[in-house]
PDB file of N, CA and C in Angstrom:
ATOM      1  N   MET A   1      32.524 -10.435   3.590  1.00  0.00           N
ATOM      2  CA  MET A   1      31.278  -9.789   3.971  1.00  0.00           C
ATOM      3  C   MET A   1      30.178 -10.095   2.952  1.00  0.00           C
ATOM      4  N   ILE A   2      30.454  -9.914   1.666  1.00  0.00           N
ATOM      5  CA  ILE A   2      29.444 -10.175   0.639  1.00  0.00           C
ATOM      6  C   ILE A   2      29.152 -11.662   0.513  1.00  0.00           C
ATOM      7  N   VAL A   3      30.105 -12.489   0.895  1.00  0.00           N
ATOM      8  CA  VAL A   3      29.924 -13.935   0.813  1.00  0.00           C
ATOM      9  C   VAL A   3      28.833 -14.390   1.772  1.00  0.00           C
ATOM     10  N   ASP A   4      28.622 -13.673   2.853  1.00  0.00           N
ATOM     11  CA  ASP A   4      27.586 -14.031   3.817  1.00  0.00           C
ATOM     12  C   ASP A   4      26.184 -13.904   3.224  1.00  0.00           C
ATOM     13  N   TYR A   5      26.024 -13.049   2.216  1.00  0.00           N
ATOM     14  CA  TYR A   5      24.719 -12.825   1.612  1.00  0.00           C
ATOM     15  C   TYR A   5      24.446 -13.716   0.401  1.00  0.00           C
ATOM     16  N   LEU A   6      25.383 -14.514  -0.012  1.00  0.00           N
ATOM     17  CA  LEU A   6      25.187 -15.389  -1.168  1.00  0.00           C
ATOM     18  C   LEU A   6      24.056 -16.402  -0.976  1.00  0.00           C
ATOM     19  N   PRO A   7      23.886 -17.026   0.194  1.00  0.00           N
ATOM     20  CA  PRO A   7      22.737 -17.929   0.350  1.00  0.00           C
ATOM     21  C   PRO A   7      21.393 -17.228   0.177  1.00  0.00           C
ATOM     22  N   ILE A   8      21.292 -15.987   0.664  1.00  0.00           N
ATOM     23  CA  ILE A   8      20.039 -15.240   0.498  1.00  0.00           C
ATOM     24  C   ILE A   8      19.811 -14.940  -0.976  1.00  0.00           C
ATOM     25  N   LEU A   9      20.842 -14.522  -1.680  1.00  0.00           N
ATOM     26  CA  LEU A   9      20.734 -14.269  -3.112  1.00  0.00           C
ATOM     27  C   LEU A   9      20.346 -15.536  -3.862  1.00  0.00           C
ATOM     28  N   PHE A  10      20.901 -16.660  -3.448  1.00  0.00           N
ATOM     29  CA  PHE A  10      20.576 -17.938  -4.080  1.00  0.00           C
ATOM     30  C   PHE A  10      19.102 -18.290  -3.871  1.00  0.00           C
ATOM     31  N   VAL A  11      18.579 -18.109  -2.666  1.00  0.00           N
ATOM     32  CA  VAL A  11      17.176 -18.428  -2.382  1.00  0.00           C
ATOM     33  C   VAL A  11      16.245 -17.494  -3.152  1.00  0.00           C
ATOM     34  N   ILE A  12      16.583 -16.213  -3.226  1.00  0.00           N
ATOM     35  CA  ILE A  12      15.757 -15.265  -3.978  1.00  0.00           C
ATOM     36  C   ILE A  12      15.762 -15.623  -5.457  1.00  0.00           C
ATOM     37  N   THR A  13      16.930 -15.944  -5.994  1.00  0.00           N
ATOM     38  CA  THR A  13      17.025 -16.341  -7.404  1.00  0.00           C
ATOM     39  C   THR A  13      16.234 -17.607  -7.656  1.00  0.00           C
ATOM     40  N   LEU A  14      16.315 -18.556  -6.756  1.00  0.00           N
ATOM     41  CA  LEU A  14      15.569 -19.803  -6.900  1.00  0.00           C
ATOM     42  C   LEU A  14      14.063 -19.554  -6.862  1.00  0.00           C
ATOM     43  N   ALA A  15      13.593 -18.696  -5.951  1.00  0.00           N
ATOM     44  CA  ALA A  15      12.168 -18.406  -5.846  1.00  0.00           C
ATOM     45  C   ALA A  15      11.650 -17.690  -7.089  1.00  0.00           C
ATOM     46  N   VAL A  16      12.393 -16.687  -7.554  1.00  0.00           N
ATOM     47  CA  VAL A  16      11.968 -15.960  -8.759  1.00  0.00           C
ATOM     48  C   VAL A  16      12.010 -16.884  -9.966  1.00  0.00           C
ATOM     49  N   GLY A  17      13.042 -17.699 -10.072  1.00  0.00           N
ATOM     50  CA  GLY A  17      13.125 -18.650 -11.183  1.00  0.00           C
ATOM     51  C   GLY A  17      11.989 -19.653 -11.167  1.00  0.00           C
ATOM     52  N   PHE A  18      11.612 -20.139  -9.988  1.00  0.00           N
ATOM     53  CA  PHE A  18      10.503 -21.080  -9.894  1.00  0.00           C
ATOM     54  C   PHE A  18       9.188 -20.421 -10.307  1.00  0.00           C
ATOM     55  N   ALA A  19       8.950 -19.192  -9.850  1.00  0.00           N
ATOM     56  CA  ALA A  19       7.717 -18.496 -10.196  1.00  0.00           C
ATOM     57  C   ALA A  19       7.632 -18.234 -11.702  1.00  0.00           C
ATOM     58  N   VAL A  20       8.710 -17.739 -12.279  1.00  0.00           N
ATOM     59  CA  VAL A  20       8.714 -17.475 -13.726  1.00  0.00           C
ATOM     60  C   VAL A  20       8.585 -18.781 -14.501  1.00  0.00           C
ATOM     61  N   GLY A  21       9.265 -19.810 -14.039  1.00  0.00           N
ATOM     62  CA  GLY A  21       9.177 -21.110 -14.706  1.00  0.00           C
ATOM     63  C   GLY A  21       7.762 -21.667 -14.706  1.00  0.00           C
ATOM     64  N   MET A  22       7.052 -21.546 -13.597  1.00  0.00           N
ATOM     65  CA  MET A  22       5.670 -22.038 -13.533  1.00  0.00           C
ATOM     66  C   MET A  22       4.751 -21.237 -14.448  1.00  0.00           C
ATOM     67  N   LEU A  23       4.964 -19.922 -14.526  1.00  0.00           N
ATOM     68  CA  LEU A  23       4.145 -19.103 -15.428  1.00  0.00           C
ATOM     69  C   LEU A  23       4.383 -19.478 -16.885  1.00  0.00           C
ATOM     70  N   VAL A  24       5.630 -19.657 -17.259  1.00  0.00           N
ATOM     71  CA  VAL A  24       5.956 -20.034 -18.639  1.00  0.00           C
ATOM     72  C   VAL A  24       5.423 -21.427 -18.944  1.00  0.00           C
ATOM     73  N   LEU A  25       5.589 -22.348 -18.009  1.00  0.00           N
ATOM     74  CA  LEU A  25       5.108 -23.708 -18.210  1.00  0.00           C
ATOM     75  C   LEU A  25       3.587 -23.747 -18.349  1.00  0.00           C
ATOM     76  N   SER A  26       2.869 -23.005 -17.541  1.00  0.00           N
ATOM     77  CA  SER A  26       1.408 -22.996 -17.654  1.00  0.00           C
ATOM     78  C   SER A  26       0.953 -22.344 -18.954  1.00  0.00           C
ATOM     79  N   HIS A  27       1.741 -21.401 -19.457  1.00  0.00           N
ATOM     80  CA  HIS A  27       1.390 -20.765 -20.729  1.00  0.00           C
ATOM     81  C   HIS A  27       1.476 -21.767 -21.881  1.00  0.00           C
ATOM     82  N   PHE A  28       2.492 -22.620 -21.862  1.00  0.00           N
ATOM     83  CA  PHE A  28       2.673 -23.567 -22.962  1.00  0.00           C
ATOM     84  C   PHE A  28       1.864 -24.846 -22.788  1.00  0.00           C
ATOM     85  N   VAL A  29       1.658 -25.311 -21.584  1.00  0.00           N
ATOM     86  CA  VAL A  29       1.009 -26.596 -21.349  1.00  0.00           C
ATOM     87  C   VAL A  29      -0.491 -26.446 -21.123  1.00  0.00           C
ATOM     88  N   GLY A  30      -0.919 -25.328 -20.550  1.00  0.00           N
ATOM     89  CA  GLY A  30      -2.321 -25.148 -20.187  1.00  0.00           C
ATOM     90  C   GLY A  30      -3.248 -25.141 -21.387  1.00  0.00           C
ATOM     91  N   PRO A  31      -4.460 -25.736 -21.220  1.00  0.00           N
ATOM     92  CA  PRO A  31      -5.426 -25.735 -22.329  1.00  0.00           C
ATOM     93  C   PRO A  31      -5.981 -24.337 -22.554  1.00  0.00           C
ATOM     94  N   ARG A  32      -6.180 -24.016 -23.824  1.00  0.00           N
ATOM     95  CA  ARG A  32      -6.707 -22.714 -24.178  1.00  0.00           C
ATOM     96  C   ARG A  32      -7.674 -22.885 -25.343  1.00  0.00           C
ATOM     97  N   VAL A  33      -8.968 -22.836 -25.037  1.00  0.00           N
ATOM     98  CA  VAL A  33      -9.988 -22.940 -26.066  1.00  0.00           C
ATOM     99  C   VAL A  33     -10.935 -21.756 -25.895  1.00  0.00           C
ATOM    100  N   PRO A  34     -10.593 -20.607 -26.495  1.00  0.00           N
ATOM    101  CA  PRO A  34     -11.451 -19.440 -26.310  1.00  0.00           C
ATOM    102  C   PRO A  34     -12.712 -19.541 -27.168  1.00  0.00           C
ATOM    103  N   ASP A  35     -13.833 -19.223 -26.596  1.00  0.00           N
ATOM    104  CA  ASP A  35     -15.058 -19.068 -27.361  1.00  0.00           C
ATOM    105  C   ASP A  35     -15.885 -17.959 -26.709  1.00  0.00           C
ATOM    106  N   PRO A  36     -16.840 -17.393 -27.412  1.00  0.00           N
ATOM    107  CA  PRO A  36     -17.566 -16.218 -26.890  1.00  0.00           C
ATOM    108  C   PRO A  36     -18.291 -16.482 -25.572  1.00  0.00           C
ATOM    109  N   VAL A  37     -18.759 -17.700 -25.352  1.00  0.00           N
ATOM    110  CA  VAL A  37     -19.488 -17.998 -24.123  1.00  0.00           C
ATOM    111  C   VAL A  37     -18.547 -17.949 -22.921  1.00  0.00           C
ATOM    112  N   LYS A  38     -17.325 -18.453 -23.067  1.00  0.00           N
ATOM    113  CA  LYS A  38     -16.373 -18.439 -21.962  1.00  0.00           C
ATOM    114  C   LYS A  38     -15.859 -17.033 -21.670  1.00  0.00           C
ATOM    115  N   LEU A  39     -15.802 -16.179 -22.664  1.00  0.00           N
ATOM    116  CA  LEU A  39     -15.286 -14.832 -22.484  1.00  0.00           C
ATOM    117  C   LEU A  39     -16.354 -13.848 -21.995  1.00  0.00           C
ATOM    118  N   MET A  40     -17.612 -14.297 -21.895  1.00  0.00           N
ATOM    119  CA  MET A  40     -18.713 -13.443 -21.483  1.00  0.00           C
ATOM    120  C   MET A  40     -18.730 -13.279 -19.957  1.00  0.00           C
ATOM    121  N   PRO A  41     -19.027 -12.078 -19.450  1.00  0.00           N
ATOM    122  CA  PRO A  41     -19.153 -11.922 -18.001  1.00  0.00           C
ATOM    123  C   PRO A  41     -20.309 -12.771 -17.473  1.00  0.00           C
ATOM    124  N   TYR A  42     -20.158 -13.286 -16.281  1.00  0.00           N
ATOM    125  CA  TYR A  42     -21.131 -14.212 -15.730  1.00  0.00           C
ATOM    126  C   TYR A  42     -21.374 -13.865 -14.278  1.00  0.00           C
ATOM    127  N   GLU A  43     -22.643 -13.778 -13.894  1.00  0.00           N
ATOM    128  CA  GLU A  43     -22.954 -13.484 -12.499  1.00  0.00           C
ATOM    129  C   GLU A  43     -24.174 -14.284 -12.074  1.00  0.00           C
ATOM    130  N   SER A  44     -23.964 -15.294 -11.296  1.00  0.00           N
ATOM    131  CA  SER A  44     -25.026 -16.113 -10.702  1.00  0.00           C
ATOM    132  C   SER A  44     -25.965 -16.698 -11.747  1.00  0.00           C
ATOM    133  N   GLY A  45     -25.451 -17.042 -12.883  1.00  0.00           N
ATOM    134  CA  GLY A  45     -26.265 -17.683 -13.910  1.00  0.00           C
ATOM    135  C   GLY A  45     -27.138 -16.735 -14.699  1.00  0.00           C
ATOM    136  N   VAL A  46     -27.024 -15.448 -14.463  1.00  0.00           N
ATOM    137  CA  VAL A  46     -27.864 -14.464 -15.140  1.00  0.00           C
ATOM    138  C   VAL A  46     -26.968 -13.603 -16.012  1.00  0.00           C
ATOM    139  N   ASP A  47     -27.420 -13.304 -17.229  1.00  0.00           N
ATOM    140  CA  ASP A  47     -26.656 -12.412 -18.095  1.00  0.00           C
ATOM    141  C   ASP A  47     -26.612 -11.021 -17.472  1.00  0.00           C
ATOM    142  N   PRO A  48     -25.457 -10.363 -17.509  1.00  0.00           N
ATOM    143  CA  PRO A  48     -25.352  -9.035 -16.896  1.00  0.00           C
ATOM    144  C   PRO A  48     -26.169  -7.997 -17.654  1.00  0.00           C
ATOM    145  N   LYS A  49     -26.744  -7.071 -16.916  1.00  0.00           N
ATOM    146  CA  LYS A  49     -27.557  -6.039 -17.527  1.00  0.00           C
ATOM    147  C   LYS A  49     -26.820  -4.699 -17.618  1.00  0.00           C
ATOM    148  N   SER A  50     -25.648  -4.599 -16.989  1.00  0.00           N
ATOM    149  CA  SER A  50     -24.860  -3.372 -17.052  1.00  0.00           C
ATOM    150  C   SER A  50     -23.396  -3.749 -17.200  1.00  0.00           C
ATOM    151  N   LYS A  51     -22.523  -2.738 -17.174  1.00  0.00           N
ATOM    152  CA  LYS A  51     -21.097  -3.013 -17.275  1.00  0.00           C
ATOM    153  C   LYS A  51     -20.640  -3.843 -16.076  1.00  0.00           C
ATOM    154  N   SER A  52     -19.678  -4.697 -16.302  1.00  0.00           N
ATOM    155  CA  SER A  52     -19.225  -5.568 -15.224  1.00  0.00           C
ATOM    156  C   SER A  52     -18.334  -4.835 -14.223  1.00  0.00           C
ATOM    157  N   HIS A  53     -17.735  -3.722 -14.612  1.00  0.00           N
ATOM    158  CA  HIS A  53     -16.879  -2.958 -13.719  1.00  0.00           C
ATOM    159  C   HIS A  53     -17.398  -1.532 -13.622  1.00  0.00           C
ATOM    160  N   PRO A  54     -18.207  -1.249 -12.592  1.00  0.00           N
ATOM    161  CA  PRO A  54     -18.718   0.122 -12.469  1.00  0.00           C
ATOM    162  C   PRO A  54     -17.587   1.085 -12.113  1.00  0.00           C
ATOM    163  N   ARG A  55     -17.727   2.315 -12.546  1.00  0.00           N
ATOM    164  CA  ARG A  55     -16.717   3.328 -12.244  1.00  0.00           C
ATOM    165  C   ARG A  55     -16.887   3.788 -10.805  1.00  0.00           C
ATOM    166  N   LEU A  56     -15.768   3.872 -10.106  1.00  0.00           N
ATOM    167  CA  LEU A  56     -15.771   4.368  -8.740  1.00  0.00           C
ATOM    168  C   LEU A  56     -15.292   5.808  -8.722  1.00  0.00           C
ATOM    169  N   ASN A  57     -15.813   6.546  -7.782  1.00  0.00           N
ATOM    170  CA  ASN A  57     -15.387   7.924  -7.625  1.00  0.00           C
ATOM    171  C   ASN A  57     -13.936   7.942  -7.146  1.00  0.00           C
ATOM    172  N   VAL A  58     -13.130   8.812  -7.706  1.00  0.00           N
ATOM    173  CA  VAL A  58     -11.715   8.882  -7.361  1.00  0.00           C
ATOM    174  C   VAL A  58     -11.519   9.339  -5.913  1.00  0.00           C
ATOM    175  N   ARG A  59     -12.528   9.933  -5.314  1.00  0.00           N
ATOM    176  CA  ARG A  59     -12.413  10.374  -3.921  1.00  0.00           C
ATOM    177  C   ARG A  59     -12.212   9.211  -2.956  1.00  0.00           C
ATOM    178  N   TYR A  60     -12.747   8.030  -3.288  1.00  0.00           N
ATOM    179  CA  TYR A  60     -12.511   6.860  -2.442  1.00  0.00           C
ATOM    180  C   TYR A  60     -11.015   6.588  -2.330  1.00  0.00           C
ATOM    181  N   PHE A  61     -10.326   6.658  -3.432  1.00  0.00           N
ATOM    182  CA  PHE A  61      -8.890   6.385  -3.442  1.00  0.00           C
ATOM    183  C   PHE A  61      -8.105   7.493  -2.743  1.00  0.00           C
ATOM    184  N   ILE A  62      -8.511   8.739  -2.953  1.00  0.00           N
ATOM    185  CA  ILE A  62      -7.815   9.858  -2.322  1.00  0.00           C
ATOM    186  C   ILE A  62      -7.954   9.775  -0.809  1.00  0.00           C
ATOM    187  N   VAL A  63      -9.173   9.500  -0.331  1.00  0.00           N
ATOM    188  CA  VAL A  63      -9.373   9.384   1.113  1.00  0.00           C
ATOM    189  C   VAL A  63      -8.565   8.211   1.659  1.00  0.00           C
ATOM    190  N   GLY A  64      -8.507   7.110   0.916  1.00  0.00           N
ATOM    191  CA  GLY A  64      -7.706   5.968   1.345  1.00  0.00           C
ATOM    192  C   GLY A  64      -6.227   6.306   1.434  1.00  0.00           C
ATOM    193  N   LEU A  65      -5.706   7.013   0.449  1.00  0.00           N
ATOM    194  CA  LEU A  65      -4.302   7.409   0.477  1.00  0.00           C
ATOM    195  C   LEU A  65      -3.999   8.369   1.618  1.00  0.00           C
ATOM    196  N   VAL A  66      -4.891   9.328   1.834  1.00  0.00           N
ATOM    197  CA  VAL A  66      -4.692  10.270   2.940  1.00  0.00           C
ATOM    198  C   VAL A  66      -4.705   9.522   4.268  1.00  0.00           C
ATOM    199  N   PHE A  67      -5.628   8.569   4.421  1.00  0.00           N
ATOM    200  CA  PHE A  67      -5.679   7.785   5.656  1.00  0.00           C
ATOM    201  C   PHE A  67      -4.386   7.012   5.860  1.00  0.00           C
ATOM    202  N   ILE A  68      -3.894   6.370   4.817  1.00  0.00           N
ATOM    203  CA  ILE A  68      -2.667   5.579   4.940  1.00  0.00           C
ATOM    204  C   ILE A  68      -1.484   6.478   5.292  1.00  0.00           C
ATOM    205  N   ILE A  69      -1.380   7.625   4.635  1.00  0.00           N
ATOM    206  CA  ILE A  69      -0.257   8.529   4.902  1.00  0.00           C
ATOM    207  C   ILE A  69      -0.272   8.997   6.349  1.00  0.00           C
ATOM    208  N   PHE A  70      -1.421   9.470   6.825  1.00  0.00           N
ATOM    209  CA  PHE A  70      -1.469   9.968   8.198  1.00  0.00           C
ATOM    210  C   PHE A  70      -1.395   8.828   9.207  1.00  0.00           C
ATOM    211  N   ASP A  71      -1.908   7.671   8.866  1.00  0.00           N
ATOM    212  CA  ASP A  71      -1.836   6.528   9.769  1.00  0.00           C
ATOM    213  C   ASP A  71      -0.389   6.085   9.963  1.00  0.00           C
ATOM    214  N   ILE A  72       0.368   6.015   8.886  1.00  0.00           N
ATOM    215  CA  ILE A  72       1.777   5.620   8.987  1.00  0.00           C
ATOM    216  C   ILE A  72       2.561   6.661   9.778  1.00  0.00           C
ATOM    217  N   GLU A  73       2.249   7.930   9.575  1.00  0.00           N
ATOM    218  CA  GLU A  73       2.963   8.964  10.315  1.00  0.00           C
ATOM    219  C   GLU A  73       2.619   8.927  11.795  1.00  0.00           C
ATOM    220  N   ILE A  74       1.399   8.611  12.128  1.00  0.00           N
ATOM    221  CA  ILE A  74       1.001   8.523  13.529  1.00  0.00           C
ATOM    222  C   ILE A  74       1.654   7.317  14.199  1.00  0.00           C
ATOM    223  N   VAL A  75       1.953   6.282  13.432  1.00  0.00           N
ATOM    224  CA  VAL A  75       2.639   5.113  13.999  1.00  0.00           C
ATOM    225  C   VAL A  75       4.003   5.510  14.547  1.00  0.00           C
ATOM    226  N   PHE A  76       4.624   6.532  13.987  1.00  0.00           N
ATOM    227  CA  PHE A  76       5.920   6.991  14.486  1.00  0.00           C
ATOM    228  C   PHE A  76       5.816   7.642  15.866  1.00  0.00           C
ATOM    229  N   LEU A  77       4.625   8.027  16.266  1.00  0.00           N
ATOM    230  CA  LEU A  77       4.460   8.634  17.583  1.00  0.00           C
ATOM    231  C   LEU A  77       4.602   7.617  18.711  1.00  0.00           C
ATOM    232  N   PHE A  78       4.240   6.377  18.472  1.00  0.00           N
ATOM    233  CA  PHE A  78       4.267   5.369  19.540  1.00  0.00           C
ATOM    234  C   PHE A  78       5.683   5.105  20.055  1.00  0.00           C
ATOM    235  N   PRO A  79       6.659   4.812  19.197  1.00  0.00           N
ATOM    236  CA  PRO A  79       8.006   4.605  19.735  1.00  0.00           C
ATOM    237  C   PRO A  79       8.556   5.847  20.435  1.00  0.00           C
ATOM    238  N   TRP A  80       8.219   7.020  19.915  1.00  0.00           N
ATOM    239  CA  TRP A  80       8.672   8.253  20.547  1.00  0.00           C
ATOM    240  C   TRP A  80       8.091   8.367  21.956  1.00  0.00           C
ATOM    241  N   ALA A  81       6.800   8.039  22.104  1.00  0.00           N
ATOM    242  CA  ALA A  81       6.168   8.124  23.418  1.00  0.00           C
ATOM    243  C   ALA A  81       6.765   7.114  24.388  1.00  0.00           C
ATOM    244  N   VAL A  82       7.186   5.972  23.884  1.00  0.00           N
ATOM    245  CA  VAL A  82       7.766   4.949  24.750  1.00  0.00           C
ATOM    246  C   VAL A  82       9.115   5.391  25.302  1.00  0.00           C
ATOM    247  N   ILE A  83       9.935   6.035  24.490  1.00  0.00           N
ATOM    248  CA  ILE A  83      11.278   6.416  24.942  1.00  0.00           C
ATOM    249  C   ILE A  83      11.356   7.853  25.447  1.00  0.00           C
ATOM    250  N   PHE A  84      10.272   8.581  25.386  1.00  0.00           N
ATOM    251  CA  PHE A  84      10.298  10.007  25.746  1.00  0.00           C
ATOM    252  C   PHE A  84      10.767  10.222  27.180  1.00  0.00           C
ATOM    253  N   ARG A  85      10.248   9.466  28.124  1.00  0.00           N
ATOM    254  CA  ARG A  85      10.586   9.663  29.535  1.00  0.00           C
ATOM    255  C   ARG A  85      12.073   9.407  29.806  1.00  0.00           C
ATOM    256  N   ASP A  86      12.655   8.442  29.100  1.00  0.00           N
ATOM    257  CA  ASP A  86      14.069   8.135  29.315  1.00  0.00           C
ATOM    258  C   ASP A  86      14.987   9.239  28.812  1.00  0.00           C
ATOM    259  N   PHE A  87      14.610   9.896  27.730  1.00  0.00           N
ATOM    260  CA  PHE A  87      15.501  10.870  27.108  1.00  0.00           C
ATOM    261  C   PHE A  87      15.217  12.317  27.494  1.00  0.00           C
ATOM    262  N   ILE A  88      14.104  12.601  28.126  1.00  0.00           N
ATOM    263  CA  ILE A  88      13.759  13.988  28.440  1.00  0.00           C
ATOM    264  C   ILE A  88      14.699  14.577  29.492  1.00  0.00           C
ATOM    265  N   THR A  89      15.275  13.714  30.335  1.00  0.00           N
ATOM    266  CA  THR A  89      16.180  14.239  31.357  1.00  0.00           C
ATOM    267  C   THR A  89      17.508  14.698  30.750  1.00  0.00           C
ATOM    268  N   ASP A  90      17.924  14.083  29.643  1.00  0.00           N
ATOM    269  CA  ASP A  90      19.201  14.440  29.022  1.00  0.00           C
ATOM    270  C   ASP A  90      19.132  15.772  28.282  1.00  0.00           C
ATOM    271  N   SER A  91      18.144  15.896  27.435  1.00  0.00           N
ATOM    272  CA  SER A  91      18.006  17.141  26.682  1.00  0.00           C
ATOM    273  C   SER A  91      16.581  17.240  26.171  1.00  0.00           C
ATOM    274  N   SER A  92      16.229  18.416  25.753  1.00  0.00           N
ATOM    275  CA  SER A  92      14.874  18.605  25.232  1.00  0.00           C
ATOM    276  C   SER A  92      14.831  18.465  23.702  1.00  0.00           C
ATOM    277  N   PHE A  93      15.931  17.992  23.120  1.00  0.00           N
ATOM    278  CA  PHE A  93      15.979  17.846  21.669  1.00  0.00           C
ATOM    279  C   PHE A  93      14.888  16.906  21.167  1.00  0.00           C
ATOM    280  N   ILE A  94      14.660  15.811  21.891  1.00  0.00           N
ATOM    281  CA  ILE A  94      13.669  14.828  21.450  1.00  0.00           C
ATOM    282  C   ILE A  94      12.261  15.431  21.471  1.00  0.00           C
ATOM    283  N   PHE A  95      12.010  16.332  22.409  1.00  0.00           N
ATOM    284  CA  PHE A  95      10.712  16.994  22.466  1.00  0.00           C
ATOM    285  C   PHE A  95      10.526  17.916  21.272  1.00  0.00           C
ATOM    286  N   TRP A  96      11.521  18.741  20.971  1.00  0.00           N
ATOM    287  CA  TRP A  96      11.397  19.684  19.862  1.00  0.00           C
ATOM    288  C   TRP A  96      11.407  18.979  18.518  1.00  0.00           C
ATOM    289  N   GLU A  97      12.053  17.842  18.466  1.00  0.00           N
ATOM    290  CA  GLU A  97      12.011  17.046  17.244  1.00  0.00           C
ATOM    291  C   GLU A  97      10.583  16.581  16.954  1.00  0.00           C
ATOM    292  N   MET A  98       9.871  16.147  17.989  1.00  0.00           N
ATOM    293  CA  MET A  98       8.492  15.708  17.784  1.00  0.00           C
ATOM    294  C   MET A  98       7.560  16.885  17.528  1.00  0.00           C
ATOM    295  N   VAL A  99       7.847  18.023  18.132  1.00  0.00           N
ATOM    296  CA  VAL A  99       7.052  19.221  17.840  1.00  0.00           C
ATOM    297  C   VAL A  99       7.185  19.579  16.364  1.00  0.00           C
ATOM    298  N   PHE A 100       8.400  19.512  15.834  1.00  0.00           N
ATOM    299  CA  PHE A 100       8.604  19.772  14.403  1.00  0.00           C
ATOM    300  C   PHE A 100       7.851  18.749  13.551  1.00  0.00           C
ATOM    301  N   PHE A 101       7.913  17.477  13.936  1.00  0.00           N
ATOM    302  CA  PHE A 101       7.212  16.424  13.200  1.00  0.00           C
ATOM    303  C   PHE A 101       5.706  16.677  13.199  1.00  0.00           C
ATOM    304  N   MET A 102       5.159  17.043  14.344  1.00  0.00           N
ATOM    305  CA  MET A 102       3.724  17.323  14.430  1.00  0.00           C
ATOM    306  C   MET A 102       3.367  18.577  13.624  1.00  0.00           C
ATOM    307  N   ALA A 103       4.273  19.546  13.565  1.00  0.00           N
ATOM    308  CA  ALA A 103       4.027  20.741  12.763  1.00  0.00           C
ATOM    309  C   ALA A 103       3.948  20.379  11.282  1.00  0.00           C
ATOM    310  N   VAL A 104       4.821  19.481  10.844  1.00  0.00           N
ATOM    311  CA  VAL A 104       4.768  19.028   9.451  1.00  0.00           C
ATOM    312  C   VAL A 104       3.437  18.317   9.182  1.00  0.00           C
ATOM    313  N   LEU A 105       2.991  17.480  10.128  1.00  0.00           N
ATOM    314  CA  LEU A 105       1.689  16.824   9.985  1.00  0.00           C
ATOM    315  C   LEU A 105       0.560  17.847   9.918  1.00  0.00           C
ATOM    316  N   LEU A 106       0.634  18.867  10.760  1.00  0.00           N
ATOM    317  CA  LEU A 106      -0.398  19.895  10.771  1.00  0.00           C
ATOM    318  C   LEU A 106      -0.420  20.674   9.457  1.00  0.00           C
ATOM    319  N   VAL A 107       0.738  20.988   8.925  1.00  0.00           N
ATOM    320  CA  VAL A 107       0.798  21.679   7.632  1.00  0.00           C
ATOM    321  C   VAL A 107       0.191  20.804   6.533  1.00  0.00           C
ATOM    322  N   GLY A 108       0.479  19.513   6.566  1.00  0.00           N
ATOM    323  CA  GLY A 108      -0.113  18.598   5.589  1.00  0.00           C
ATOM    324  C   GLY A 108      -1.620  18.523   5.723  1.00  0.00           C
ATOM    325  N   LEU A 109      -2.111  18.484   6.946  1.00  0.00           N
ATOM    326  CA  LEU A 109      -3.552  18.444   7.171  1.00  0.00           C
ATOM    327  C   LEU A 109      -4.221  19.720   6.680  1.00  0.00           C
ATOM    328  N   ILE A 110      -3.628  20.867   6.973  1.00  0.00           N
ATOM    329  CA  ILE A 110      -4.187  22.143   6.504  1.00  0.00           C
ATOM    330  C   ILE A 110      -4.179  22.191   4.981  1.00  0.00           C
ATOM    331  N   TYR A 111      -3.118  21.681   4.375  1.00  0.00           N
ATOM    332  CA  TYR A 111      -3.033  21.679   2.912  1.00  0.00           C
ATOM    333  C   TYR A 111      -4.150  20.848   2.294  1.00  0.00           C
ATOM    334  N   ILE A 112      -4.350  19.622   2.777  1.00  0.00           N
ATOM    335  CA  ILE A 112      -5.401  18.789   2.163  1.00  0.00           C
ATOM    336  C   ILE A 112      -6.786  19.316   2.498  1.00  0.00           C
ATOM    337  N   TRP A 113      -6.919  19.988   3.637  1.00  0.00           N
ATOM    338  CA  TRP A 113      -8.198  20.580   3.996  1.00  0.00           C
ATOM    339  C   TRP A 113      -8.542  21.714   3.027  1.00  0.00           C
ATOM    340  N   ARG A 114      -7.548  22.570   2.738  1.00  0.00           N
ATOM    341  CA  ARG A 114      -7.788  23.691   1.809  1.00  0.00           C
ATOM    342  C   ARG A 114      -7.985  23.214   0.376  1.00  0.00           C
ATOM    343  N   LYS A 115      -7.358  22.097   0.006  1.00  0.00           N
ATOM    344  CA  LYS A 115      -7.532  21.565  -1.340  1.00  0.00           C
ATOM    345  C   LYS A 115      -8.902  20.915  -1.517  1.00  0.00           C
ATOM    346  N   GLY A 116      -9.627  20.668  -0.412  1.00  0.00           N
ATOM    347  CA  GLY A 116     -10.960  20.095  -0.486  1.00  0.00           C
ATOM    348  C   GLY A 116     -10.988  18.578  -0.485  1.00  0.00           C
ATOM    349  N   VAL A 117      -9.895  17.950  -0.102  1.00  0.00           N
ATOM    350  CA  VAL A 117      -9.856  16.483  -0.098  1.00  0.00           C
ATOM    351  C   VAL A 117     -10.825  15.938   0.945  1.00  0.00           C
ATOM    352  N   LEU A 118     -11.012  16.638   2.037  1.00  0.00           N
ATOM    353  CA  LEU A 118     -11.873  16.143   3.104  1.00  0.00           C
ATOM    354  C   LEU A 118     -13.348  16.477   2.876  1.00  0.00           C
ATOM    355  N   GLU A 119     -13.652  17.235   1.839  1.00  0.00           N
ATOM    356  CA  GLU A 119     -15.039  17.559   1.518  1.00  0.00           C
ATOM    357  C   GLU A 119     -15.644  16.413   0.697  1.00  0.00           C
ATOM    358  N   TRP A 120     -16.788  15.955   1.116  1.00  0.00           N
ATOM    359  CA  TRP A 120     -17.461  14.866   0.403  1.00  0.00           C
ATOM    360  C   TRP A 120     -18.804  15.379  -0.084  1.00  0.00           C
ATOM    361  N   GLU A 121     -19.047  15.257  -1.385  1.00  0.00           N
ATOM    362  CA  GLU A 121     -20.296  15.774  -1.956  1.00  0.00           C
ATOM    363  C   GLU A 121     -21.190  14.631  -2.378  1.00  0.00           C
TER     364      GLU A 121
END
């Protein structure tokens, strides 16, 4: 059984070895002549007048994470909707399972709403 996975392990080892080998080789062979002009930030031929990396509000990231979490959870609704008609005649377990899942989503939504994640100032 484990012998069947040896080719996959070999390919993964070969890929990781090649990637690490190229990084090490470029470190030793690549030219490196640091000087202040090369290390200076550059934008369209004009010297920068402010910091090169402006600070972003952490709310952008929080809203992005909340979107990803709820988006992934909503993706689970599609397969359930596809098979719902086939299984509803056997038992109502599949229906109550999704009701519980939606309740968990609702509790999560209420929690982030009360924490103020959805408020934008």
